[in-house]
Protein backbone atom coordinates (compact mmCIF):
# COMPACT_ATOMS: atom_id res chain seq x y z
CA MET A 1 0.00 0.00 0.00
CA SER A 2 1.37 3.41 -0.91
CA PHE A 3 1.19 6.68 0.99
CA THR A 4 -0.68 9.38 -0.94
CA LEU A 5 -1.16 13.12 -0.72
CA HIS A 6 -4.66 12.36 0.53
CA ASP A 7 -3.10 10.39 3.39
CA LEU A 8 -0.83 13.34 4.14
CA ALA A 9 -3.77 15.76 4.05
CA ALA A 10 -5.69 13.52 6.49
CA THR A 11 -2.67 13.42 8.81
CA ILE A 12 -2.42 17.22 8.67
CA ASP A 13 -6.14 17.52 9.46
CA ALA A 14 -5.77 15.19 12.44
CA ARG A 15 -2.72 16.98 13.77
CA ALA A 16 -4.32 20.37 13.27
CA ALA A 17 -6.94 19.27 15.76
CA ALA A 18 -4.26 18.68 18.42
CA ALA A 19 -4.72 20.49 21.70
CA ASP A 20 -1.59 22.62 21.29
CA GLY A 21 1.59 23.19 19.32
CA ASP A 22 3.71 21.49 21.97
CA SER A 23 2.47 18.11 20.76
CA SER A 24 2.27 18.81 17.03
CA TYR A 25 4.55 20.64 14.60
CA THR A 26 1.59 20.97 12.21
CA LYS A 27 -0.52 22.63 14.90
CA LYS A 28 2.38 24.93 15.80
CA LEU A 29 2.68 26.07 12.18
CA LEU A 30 -1.06 26.64 11.85
CA ASP A 31 -1.22 28.53 15.14
CA LYS A 32 1.35 30.98 13.75
CA GLY A 33 -1.00 31.81 10.87
CA ALA A 34 -1.14 31.67 7.10
CA VAL A 35 1.64 34.21 6.54
CA HIS A 36 4.07 32.11 8.59
CA CYS A 37 2.94 28.97 6.75
CA ALA A 38 3.51 30.72 3.41
CA LYS A 39 7.02 31.79 4.41
CA LYS A 40 7.88 28.28 5.56
CA PHE A 41 6.57 26.85 2.28
CA GLY A 42 8.74 29.34 0.40
CA GLU A 43 11.83 28.33 2.37
CA GLU A 44 11.24 24.68 1.58
CA ALA A 45 10.64 25.45 -2.10
CA VAL A 46 13.96 27.28 -2.31
CA GLU A 47 15.72 24.34 -0.67
CA ALA A 48 14.16 22.01 -3.27
CA VAL A 49 15.36 24.27 -6.07
CA ILE A 50 18.88 24.28 -4.66
CA ALA A 51 18.87 20.49 -4.43
CA ALA A 52 17.70 20.28 -8.05
CA VAL A 53 20.36 22.70 -9.26
CA ASP A 54 23.00 20.78 -7.31
CA ASP A 55 21.72 17.55 -8.89
CA ASP A 56 21.42 16.00 -5.44
CA ARG A 57 18.79 13.32 -5.89
CA THR A 58 18.45 12.37 -2.22
CA ASP A 59 18.15 15.98 -1.07
CA LEU A 60 15.67 16.74 -3.85
CA ILE A 61 13.47 13.84 -2.77
CA ASN A 62 13.60 14.92 0.87
CA GLU A 63 13.06 18.59 0.12
CA SER A 64 10.19 17.71 -2.20
CA ALA A 65 8.53 15.86 0.66
CA ASP A 66 8.96 18.99 2.79
CA VAL A 67 7.51 21.15 0.00
CA LEU A 68 4.43 18.96 -0.32
CA PHE A 69 3.88 18.88 3.43
CA HIS A 70 4.25 22.63 3.82
CA LEU A 71 2.06 23.32 0.78
CA LEU A 72 -0.74 21.24 2.29
CA VAL A 73 -0.32 23.03 5.64
CA LEU A 74 -0.45 26.38 3.83
CA LEU A 75 -3.58 25.34 1.95
CA LYS A 76 -5.20 24.24 5.23
CA SER A 77 -4.33 27.60 6.79
CA ARG A 78 -6.37 29.24 4.03
CA GLY A 79 -9.24 26.74 4.09
CA ILE A 80 -8.32 25.13 0.77
CA THR A 81 -8.46 21.36 0.41
CA ILE A 82 -6.48 19.03 -1.80
CA GLN A 83 -9.79 18.31 -3.55
CA ASP A 84 -10.06 22.02 -4.45
CA VAL A 85 -6.62 21.86 -6.05
CA GLU A 86 -7.43 18.59 -7.81
CA ALA A 87 -10.57 20.17 -9.26
CA ALA A 88 -8.51 23.05 -10.65
CA LEU A 89 -6.01 20.61 -12.13
CA GLY A 90 -8.81 18.48 -13.57
CA ALA A 91 -10.36 21.48 -15.27
CA ARG A 92 -7.04 22.19 -16.96
CA THR A 93 -6.64 18.74 -18.50
CA HIS A 94 -9.12 19.51 -21.27
CA GLN A 95 -6.62 21.75 -23.02
CA SER A 96 -2.89 21.94 -23.45
CA GLY A 97 -0.82 23.73 -20.85
CA LEU A 98 0.03 26.40 -23.41
CA GLN A 99 -3.66 26.99 -24.18
CA GLU A 100 -4.54 27.12 -20.49
CA LYS A 101 -1.78 29.62 -19.76
CA ALA A 102 -2.81 31.81 -22.69
CA SER A 103 -6.42 31.84 -21.46
CA ARG A 104 -5.47 33.38 -18.12
CA LYS A 105 -6.00 37.07 -17.69
CA SER A 106 -2.74 38.99 -17.65
CA ASP A 107 -2.10 41.54 -14.92
């Protein structure tokens, strides 16, 4: 049996319900708010980029796990579920990535 992002999201949900941040890193992150969660996600993303540039496979795998975890925590902090993200991805599969990008409004 494999571990999925849905399993990770369920673990995050369960740990978010912990009584306090002393017993759960997830709860501690969420208690610090969405801005803190976003900054932590950014830090992990940069570390993943560095591992990729350095061609360090093991570090890239580990940093990618951190990125996925922190992304799901960030999403939870903003009330967004993995199903919300999957729906957005699913809607995009009906056209090429280039078509989808071109259809977005430019700022």
